[in-house]
Amino acid sequence: GTEKINQAGVDHYNKFINALLAQGIEPYVTLYHWDLPQALHDRYHGWLSPQIIKDFATFAETCFEIYGDRVKHWITFNEPHTVAIQGYDVGLQAPGRCSIFLHLFCRAGNSATEPYIVA
């Protein structure tokens, strides 16, 4: 994102990565696993805005700079299809967007376009 780096978070993951390596475990790091900060969701309406890409790229580059000397395997998104379909088509996962023609509990979304924008 665009906010100051959370040093406590950096320290936590540094210790975690070092502990894995000390045990001979090669870390595989997923950059996005259903954990979009609420501030970014509010600012960009989740993954619907192309503006979020710059913030995500900055986040990824920061991770590469801080942890890249020890982490060699990176996964960008966990289950991108599920993010697009479950989150922006049928509304079963966060952020729960879907079209009313799918079911009456849909409060916001457009199942005809949003999954394609997000994907």
N, C-alpha and C. Protein backbone atom coordinates (compact mmCIF):
# COMPACT_ATOMS: atom_id res chain seq x y z
N GLY A 1 0.80 -1.19 0.00
CA GLY A 1 0.00 0.00 0.00
C GLY A 1 0.85 1.25 0.00
N THR A 2 0.26 2.31 0.44
CA THR A 2 0.93 3.60 0.44
C THR A 2 1.29 4.05 1.85
N GLU A 3 0.96 3.26 2.82
CA GLU A 3 1.21 3.63 4.21
C GLU A 3 2.62 3.24 4.63
N LYS A 4 3.01 3.70 5.80
CA LYS A 4 4.31 3.37 6.37
C LYS A 4 4.40 1.86 6.63
N ILE A 5 5.57 1.32 6.42
CA ILE A 5 5.79 -0.11 6.65
C ILE A 5 5.65 -0.42 8.14
N ASN A 6 4.94 -1.49 8.44
CA ASN A 6 4.73 -1.92 9.82
C ASN A 6 5.96 -2.73 10.25
N GLN A 7 6.84 -2.09 11.01
CA GLN A 7 8.09 -2.74 11.41
C GLN A 7 7.86 -3.97 12.26
N ALA A 8 6.83 -3.95 13.09
CA ALA A 8 6.52 -5.14 13.91
C ALA A 8 6.17 -6.32 13.01
N GLY A 9 5.45 -6.07 11.92
CA GLY A 9 5.13 -7.13 10.97
C GLY A 9 6.37 -7.64 10.26
N VAL A 10 7.23 -6.72 9.85
CA VAL A 10 8.50 -7.10 9.20
C VAL A 10 9.33 -7.96 10.14
N ASP A 11 9.43 -7.54 11.39
CA ASP A 11 10.22 -8.30 12.38
C ASP A 11 9.64 -9.69 12.59
N HIS A 12 8.30 -9.78 12.66
CA HIS A 12 7.64 -11.08 12.85
C HIS A 12 8.00 -12.03 11.71
N TYR A 13 7.84 -11.56 10.47
CA TYR A 13 8.11 -12.44 9.34
C TYR A 13 9.60 -12.71 9.17
N ASN A 14 10.46 -11.78 9.54
CA ASN A 14 11.90 -12.08 9.53
C ASN A 14 12.21 -13.24 10.46
N LYS A 15 11.68 -13.19 11.66
CA LYS A 15 11.90 -14.27 12.64
C LYS A 15 11.31 -15.59 12.13
N PHE A 16 10.12 -15.51 11.56
CA PHE A 16 9.45 -16.71 11.06
C PHE A 16 10.25 -17.35 9.92
N ILE A 17 10.66 -16.54 8.96
CA ILE A 17 11.45 -17.05 7.84
C ILE A 17 12.77 -17.63 8.33
N ASN A 18 13.43 -16.94 9.23
CA ASN A 18 14.70 -17.45 9.77
C ASN A 18 14.51 -18.76 10.52
N ALA A 19 13.41 -18.88 11.25
CA ALA A 19 13.13 -20.13 11.97
C ALA A 19 12.89 -21.28 11.00
N LEU A 20 12.17 -21.02 9.91
CA LEU A 20 11.96 -22.06 8.91
C LEU A 20 13.29 -22.52 8.32
N LEU A 21 14.09 -21.56 7.90
CA LEU A 21 15.38 -21.90 7.29
C LEU A 21 16.29 -22.63 8.26
N ALA A 22 16.25 -22.26 9.54
CA ALA A 22 17.07 -22.94 10.55
C ALA A 22 16.70 -24.41 10.69
N GLN A 23 15.45 -24.73 10.35
CA GLN A 23 14.98 -26.12 10.42
C GLN A 23 15.09 -26.83 9.06
N GLY A 24 15.71 -26.16 8.10
CA GLY A 24 15.88 -26.75 6.77
C GLY A 24 14.63 -26.70 5.92
N ILE A 25 13.70 -25.82 6.24
CA ILE A 25 12.44 -25.69 5.49
C ILE A 25 12.56 -24.50 4.55
N GLU A 26 12.35 -24.75 3.27
CA GLU A 26 12.39 -23.70 2.26
C GLU A 26 11.05 -22.97 2.25
N PRO A 27 11.03 -21.67 2.54
CA PRO A 27 9.75 -20.95 2.57
C PRO A 27 9.20 -20.67 1.17
N TYR A 28 7.91 -20.85 1.03
CA TYR A 28 7.15 -20.44 -0.15
C TYR A 28 6.18 -19.39 0.36
N VAL A 29 6.28 -18.18 -0.16
CA VAL A 29 5.50 -17.06 0.36
C VAL A 29 4.41 -16.67 -0.62
N THR A 30 3.18 -16.58 -0.14
CA THR A 30 2.05 -16.11 -0.92
C THR A 30 1.81 -14.65 -0.58
N LEU A 31 1.81 -13.79 -1.59
CA LEU A 31 1.65 -12.36 -1.36
C LEU A 31 0.21 -11.96 -1.08
N TYR A 32 -0.75 -12.67 -1.68
CA TYR A 32 -2.16 -12.37 -1.41
C TYR A 32 -2.91 -13.67 -1.16
N HIS A 33 -3.45 -13.79 0.02
CA HIS A 33 -4.25 -14.96 0.39
C HIS A 33 -5.47 -14.47 1.17
N TRP A 34 -6.38 -13.79 0.47
CA TRP A 34 -7.63 -13.30 1.07
C TRP A 34 -7.39 -12.33 2.22
N ASP A 35 -6.39 -11.48 2.09
CA ASP A 35 -6.06 -10.58 3.20
C ASP A 35 -5.87 -9.14 2.75
N LEU A 36 -6.71 -8.67 1.86
CA LEU A 36 -6.63 -7.29 1.41
C LEU A 36 -6.97 -6.36 2.57
N PRO A 37 -6.07 -5.43 2.89
CA PRO A 37 -6.38 -4.50 3.99
C PRO A 37 -7.67 -3.72 3.73
N GLN A 38 -8.44 -3.52 4.77
CA GLN A 38 -9.71 -2.81 4.64
C GLN A 38 -9.52 -1.43 4.03
N ALA A 39 -8.43 -0.75 4.37
CA ALA A 39 -8.19 0.58 3.82
C ALA A 39 -8.07 0.55 2.30
N LEU A 40 -7.43 -0.49 1.76
CA LEU A 40 -7.32 -0.61 0.30
C LEU A 40 -8.66 -0.99 -0.32
N HIS A 41 -9.42 -1.81 0.35
CA HIS A 41 -10.76 -2.14 -0.15
C HIS A 41 -11.61 -0.87 -0.20
N ASP A 42 -11.56 -0.10 0.86
CA ASP A 42 -12.35 1.13 0.91
C ASP A 42 -11.90 2.14 -0.15
N ARG A 43 -10.60 2.27 -0.32
CA ARG A 43 -10.05 3.25 -1.26
C ARG A 43 -10.33 2.87 -2.71
N TYR A 44 -10.19 1.59 -3.04
CA TYR A 44 -10.26 1.16 -4.44
C TYR A 44 -11.45 0.27 -4.77
N HIS A 45 -12.32 0.01 -3.83
CA HIS A 45 -13.40 -0.97 -4.02
C HIS A 45 -12.81 -2.34 -4.32
N GLY A 46 -11.83 -2.70 -3.52
CA GLY A 46 -11.18 -4.00 -3.69
C GLY A 46 -10.36 -4.04 -4.96
N TRP A 47 -10.44 -5.14 -5.66
CA TRP A 47 -9.64 -5.35 -6.86
C TRP A 47 -10.30 -4.78 -8.10
N LEU A 48 -11.37 -4.02 -7.96
CA LEU A 48 -12.09 -3.49 -9.12
C LEU A 48 -11.37 -2.32 -9.79
N SER A 49 -10.53 -1.62 -9.08
CA SER A 49 -9.85 -0.45 -9.64
C SER A 49 -8.44 -0.80 -10.08
N PRO A 50 -8.05 -0.37 -11.28
CA PRO A 50 -6.68 -0.61 -11.71
C PRO A 50 -5.66 0.15 -10.85
N GLN A 51 -6.11 1.12 -10.09
CA GLN A 51 -5.20 1.89 -9.23
C GLN A 51 -4.59 1.03 -8.13
N ILE A 52 -5.26 -0.04 -7.74
CA ILE A 52 -4.74 -0.90 -6.67
C ILE A 52 -3.48 -1.64 -7.11
N ILE A 53 -3.31 -1.79 -8.41
CA ILE A 53 -2.16 -2.54 -8.93
C ILE A 53 -0.84 -1.90 -8.50
N LYS A 54 -0.77 -0.58 -8.54
CA LYS A 54 0.46 0.12 -8.14
C LYS A 54 0.77 -0.16 -6.67
N ASP A 55 -0.24 -0.08 -5.81
CA ASP A 55 -0.01 -0.35 -4.39
C ASP A 55 0.41 -1.80 -4.16
N PHE A 56 -0.22 -2.73 -4.87
CA PHE A 56 0.15 -4.14 -4.71
C PHE A 56 1.58 -4.37 -5.22
N ALA A 57 1.94 -3.73 -6.32
CA ALA A 57 3.30 -3.87 -6.84
C ALA A 57 4.32 -3.32 -5.84
N THR A 58 4.00 -2.20 -5.21
CA THR A 58 4.88 -1.64 -4.19
C THR A 58 5.02 -2.60 -3.02
N PHE A 59 3.91 -3.19 -2.59
CA PHE A 59 3.93 -4.18 -1.52
C PHE A 59 4.82 -5.36 -1.90
N ALA A 60 4.64 -5.88 -3.12
CA ALA A 60 5.43 -7.03 -3.57
C ALA A 60 6.91 -6.67 -3.63
N GLU A 61 7.24 -5.52 -4.19
CA GLU A 61 8.64 -5.10 -4.27
C GLU A 61 9.25 -4.94 -2.88
N THR A 62 8.48 -4.43 -1.94
CA THR A 62 8.96 -4.29 -0.56
C THR A 62 9.27 -5.66 0.03
N CYS A 63 8.38 -6.62 -0.19
CA CYS A 63 8.62 -7.98 0.30
C CYS A 63 9.87 -8.58 -0.33
N PHE A 64 10.03 -8.38 -1.64
CA PHE A 64 11.21 -8.92 -2.33
C PHE A 64 12.49 -8.31 -1.76
N GLU A 65 12.46 -7.00 -1.50
CA GLU A 65 13.64 -6.32 -0.98
C GLU A 65 13.99 -6.80 0.44
N ILE A 66 12.97 -6.95 1.28
CA ILE A 66 13.21 -7.30 2.68
C ILE A 66 13.53 -8.78 2.85
N TYR A 67 12.78 -9.64 2.16
CA TYR A 67 12.89 -11.08 2.40
C TYR A 67 13.56 -11.85 1.27
N GLY A 68 13.82 -11.18 0.15
CA GLY A 68 14.31 -11.86 -1.04
C GLY A 68 15.66 -12.52 -0.91
N ASP A 69 16.45 -12.11 0.07
CA ASP A 69 17.73 -12.78 0.28
C ASP A 69 17.55 -14.18 0.83
N ARG A 70 16.37 -14.47 1.39
CA ARG A 70 16.10 -15.78 1.99
C ARG A 70 14.93 -16.50 1.34
N VAL A 71 14.01 -15.78 0.75
CA VAL A 71 12.84 -16.39 0.10
C VAL A 71 13.09 -16.42 -1.40
N LYS A 72 13.05 -17.60 -1.97
CA LYS A 72 13.30 -17.76 -3.40
C LYS A 72 12.04 -18.16 -4.17
N HIS A 73 10.98 -18.51 -3.46
CA HIS A 73 9.75 -18.98 -4.11
C HIS A 73 8.59 -18.08 -3.68
N TRP A 74 7.97 -17.43 -4.66
CA TRP A 74 6.89 -16.49 -4.39
C TRP A 74 5.65 -16.91 -5.17
N ILE A 75 4.51 -16.81 -4.53
CA ILE A 75 3.21 -17.06 -5.15
C ILE A 75 2.46 -15.73 -5.09
N THR A 76 2.05 -15.22 -6.24
CA THR A 76 1.44 -13.89 -6.27
C THR A 76 0.06 -13.91 -5.62
N PHE A 77 -0.84 -14.73 -6.14
CA PHE A 77 -2.20 -14.82 -5.62
C PHE A 77 -2.55 -16.27 -5.34
N ASN A 78 -3.17 -16.51 -4.21
CA ASN A 78 -3.72 -17.83 -3.93
C ASN A 78 -5.10 -17.90 -4.59
N GLU A 79 -5.30 -18.88 -5.42
CA GLU A 79 -6.59 -19.15 -6.07
C GLU A 79 -7.21 -17.91 -6.73
N PRO A 80 -6.55 -17.34 -7.75
CA PRO A 80 -7.10 -16.14 -8.38
C PRO A 80 -8.49 -16.35 -8.99
N HIS A 81 -8.74 -17.55 -9.50
CA HIS A 81 -10.07 -17.84 -10.05
C HIS A 81 -11.13 -17.73 -8.96
N THR A 82 -10.82 -18.25 -7.78
CA THR A 82 -11.76 -18.20 -6.67
C THR A 82 -11.99 -16.77 -6.21
N VAL A 83 -10.95 -15.96 -6.19
CA VAL A 83 -11.11 -14.54 -5.83
C VAL A 83 -12.10 -13.88 -6.78
N ALA A 84 -11.92 -14.10 -8.08
CA ALA A 84 -12.79 -13.47 -9.08
C ALA A 84 -14.21 -14.01 -9.02
N ILE A 85 -14.37 -15.31 -8.99
CA ILE A 85 -15.71 -15.90 -9.06
C ILE A 85 -16.43 -15.86 -7.72
N GLN A 86 -15.79 -16.37 -6.67
CA GLN A 86 -16.46 -16.41 -5.37
C GLN A 86 -16.64 -15.01 -4.77
N GLY A 87 -15.68 -14.11 -5.04
CA GLY A 87 -15.75 -12.78 -4.44
C GLY A 87 -16.53 -11.76 -5.24
N TYR A 88 -16.53 -11.89 -6.58
CA TYR A 88 -17.11 -10.85 -7.43
C TYR A 88 -18.18 -11.36 -8.40
N ASP A 89 -18.51 -12.64 -8.34
CA ASP A 89 -19.57 -13.17 -9.21
C ASP A 89 -20.71 -13.73 -8.38
N VAL A 90 -20.43 -14.73 -7.57
CA VAL A 90 -21.50 -15.36 -6.78
C VAL A 90 -21.56 -14.86 -5.35
N GLY A 91 -20.58 -14.08 -4.92
CA GLY A 91 -20.64 -13.42 -3.62
C GLY A 91 -20.47 -14.31 -2.40
N LEU A 92 -19.85 -15.47 -2.56
CA LEU A 92 -19.70 -16.38 -1.43
C LEU A 92 -18.46 -16.10 -0.58
N GLN A 93 -17.50 -15.37 -1.13
CA GLN A 93 -16.28 -15.00 -0.41
C GLN A 93 -16.17 -13.47 -0.41
N ALA A 94 -15.26 -12.97 0.41
CA ALA A 94 -15.03 -11.52 0.45
C ALA A 94 -14.61 -11.01 -0.93
N PRO A 95 -15.14 -9.89 -1.35
CA PRO A 95 -15.99 -8.95 -0.63
C PRO A 95 -17.48 -9.21 -0.76
N GLY A 96 -17.86 -10.36 -1.28
CA GLY A 96 -19.27 -10.74 -1.32
C GLY A 96 -20.09 -9.99 -2.36
N ARG A 97 -19.49 -9.68 -3.48
CA ARG A 97 -20.21 -8.93 -4.51
C ARG A 97 -20.84 -9.91 -5.50
N CYS A 98 -22.04 -9.55 -5.95
CA CYS A 98 -22.77 -10.37 -6.92
C CYS A 98 -23.96 -9.56 -7.41
N SER A 99 -24.65 -10.09 -8.39
CA SER A 99 -25.84 -9.42 -8.93
C SER A 99 -27.10 -9.99 -8.32
N ILE A 100 -28.09 -9.15 -8.19
CA ILE A 100 -29.35 -9.58 -7.58
C ILE A 100 -30.00 -10.70 -8.38
N PHE A 101 -29.73 -10.79 -9.69
CA PHE A 101 -30.34 -11.86 -10.47
C PHE A 101 -29.79 -13.23 -10.07
N LEU A 102 -28.69 -13.27 -9.33
CA LEU A 102 -28.16 -14.55 -8.85
C LEU A 102 -28.89 -15.02 -7.60
N HIS A 103 -29.07 -14.11 -6.64
CA HIS A 103 -29.87 -14.42 -5.46
C HIS A 103 -30.22 -13.13 -4.74
N LEU A 104 -31.25 -13.16 -3.95
CA LEU A 104 -31.81 -11.97 -3.32
C LEU A 104 -30.92 -11.36 -2.25
N PHE A 105 -29.92 -12.07 -1.79
CA PHE A 105 -29.06 -11.55 -0.74
C PHE A 105 -27.94 -10.64 -1.28
N CYS A 106 -27.84 -10.54 -2.57
CA CYS A 106 -26.81 -9.68 -3.17
C CYS A 106 -27.17 -8.22 -2.93
N ARG A 107 -26.24 -7.48 -2.37
CA ARG A 107 -26.47 -6.06 -2.07
C ARG A 107 -25.71 -5.14 -3.02
N ALA A 108 -24.63 -5.63 -3.61
CA ALA A 108 -23.83 -4.80 -4.50
C ALA A 108 -23.06 -5.70 -5.45
N GLY A 109 -22.83 -5.19 -6.63
CA GLY A 109 -22.01 -5.93 -7.57
C GLY A 109 -22.66 -6.07 -8.93
N ASN A 110 -21.86 -6.52 -9.89
CA ASN A 110 -22.33 -6.78 -11.23
C ASN A 110 -21.63 -8.05 -11.71
N SER A 111 -22.32 -9.14 -11.63
CA SER A 111 -21.74 -10.44 -11.96
C SER A 111 -21.39 -10.58 -13.43
N ALA A 112 -21.93 -9.70 -14.27
CA ALA A 112 -21.64 -9.76 -15.70
C ALA A 112 -20.29 -9.15 -16.05
N THR A 113 -19.78 -8.24 -15.20
CA THR A 113 -18.52 -7.57 -15.54
C THR A 113 -17.43 -7.70 -14.48
N GLU A 114 -17.79 -7.64 -13.22
CA GLU A 114 -16.78 -7.55 -12.16
C GLU A 114 -15.81 -8.73 -12.10
N PRO A 115 -16.25 -9.98 -12.27
CA PRO A 115 -15.27 -11.07 -12.23
C PRO A 115 -14.20 -10.93 -13.31
N TYR A 116 -14.57 -10.35 -14.44
CA TYR A 116 -13.61 -10.18 -15.54
C TYR A 116 -12.65 -9.03 -15.27
N ILE A 117 -13.14 -7.98 -14.63
CA ILE A 117 -12.27 -6.86 -14.26
C ILE A 117 -11.24 -7.32 -13.24
N VAL A 118 -11.69 -8.06 -12.25
CA VAL A 118 -10.82 -8.52 -11.17
C VAL A 118 -9.80 -9.54 -11.69
N ALA A 119 -10.23 -10.43 -12.56
CA ALA A 119 -9.33 -11.46 -13.07
C ALA A 119 -8.27 -10.85 -13.95
